[in-house]
Amino acid sequence: MRDFYYILGVDENASPDQIKSAFRKLSMKFHPDKNNGEKFYEDQFKAILEAWDTLSDPAKKARYDEQLKRYKAAAANIAYKDALIRKYEEELKRRGGAAHAPYQPPVQPSAQPTSQPYNIPRQMVIITGAIMLLFFVSLYLFAPREKRPIVRYQEVKLPDTTRRLFVTNNEAPVLPADPSLVLDGQTSTLKQFLNNEAHLRSNYSVTDIDNDGMPELLLSYHTGGAHCCNVDHLFVFGEGGRFDLVFSYTGGLYASGNKLSLYYYQDIGYYHSCYNCTITEKLPRQDVNAEINIIFDKGKLTPAPTNAQLNESIVINLAYLSSRGIPALDEEGWDDGSRKEIMLHMIAYHFNNRDITATKALFDQYYSWNDRADRWKDLVELIRKYEEIIFSNAAYREKRTF
């Protein structure tokens, strides 16, 4: 069982703020776009996301804590059993025997007659057997049991490749071993896509994201380069057993249930600072990330509901940044990462509320420096860019503006 507290580097009694702080630091450190898309960092980042998804939700956290408690209790029983066995073997050695040989008691020179022979090995065997029986009964009764989803797909292998695909049973459409993909009006196969030399570290998964009984295919690959880019394509199962593209994103897309998180740090990483440069001070709230959340439901994408707690954290952090002041740009047009941090928070606020008037009011309240007009212009351009990316995809059916 994975220890999510260990993954985030916090104690099991850590407060929600401590968990948020740890998640923010680790997600920034291990984000694939900051580490050339390397597989190690991508795997670590997914583990961090999984830990955050569980520990940030009170209900999920309570269930996980109970499972972890049972798991550790079972592990303690194993350690106790091993300790008894070691004690038994040491007792045999102390009496002159060996762990694998039956113990023969020494002849007493002038012992009083006893009614029963002194047979330590038989007693220890009985005791050890009873302990092992109790251990396995306890393991069966109290070991954690994870609820496994009903797997509707039967594993098969793609021809000439080690990657896996799934074929549904008779209750759902049957997927071919190497399905057709329709991407930008062009038709190819999954095998051709994965073997494309331009698609570095290509990977895919087949799952029912929106629980409508129809499988979705999520394809991802890396384009190469120091800080960019992960490319993700979302396909839905269509006519003739093919997969039709409904959504594409460049920069990093991660699915948690039917929520898709779109990361935009690659577009602001160099905003008046070096890519990994950030302010040295710790922000009051650590739960604001460079991500836009959308929901995939019934084959269609919709904005995620407004998160009131996120709004509160953004306002608190902006108030802090405003109070500390923002340094003037140097000769190269760089600062200490302050403008990038403000831009990150403003984009997150806009797409959490989808109200340009409210976004402008918040910006005017907390950004009062001489270059305010230029910064607002840059912010509007980034907002329009992401609106175009999100709403121009086929899954939206019609183009709208936040």
Foldseek 3Di string as FASTA:
>chain_A
DDDLCVLLVHDLPDDLQSSLQSLLVLLLVLPCLQVQNDPVSVVSNVSSVVSCVQCNDVVSVVLVVLLVVLQVVLVVLVVVLVVLLVVVQVVQVVQPHGSVDFHDHDDDPDDDDDPDDDGVVVVSVVVSVVSVVVSVVSCVVRHDDDDDDDDQWDWDAAPPDPAIDTAGDPVAHGADSWAWEQDPNDIDTPVCVVPPPQFAPKDKDWDDQAPPRWIKIKIWGWRGDNRDWIKIWIWTQDPPNHTYTFAIAIHDWDGDRQKIKHADLSVLLVPQAHNSFAAPDDFPGSNQHRIFIWGQHPLAIGGDAADPVLVVSLLSRLQVLLVVDFDARDPVRHGRHSLSVNLSSLLRVCNSPVDVVVSVVSLVVRDDDPCSVVSVVVSVVVQVVVLCNVQVGNRNVHRDGD
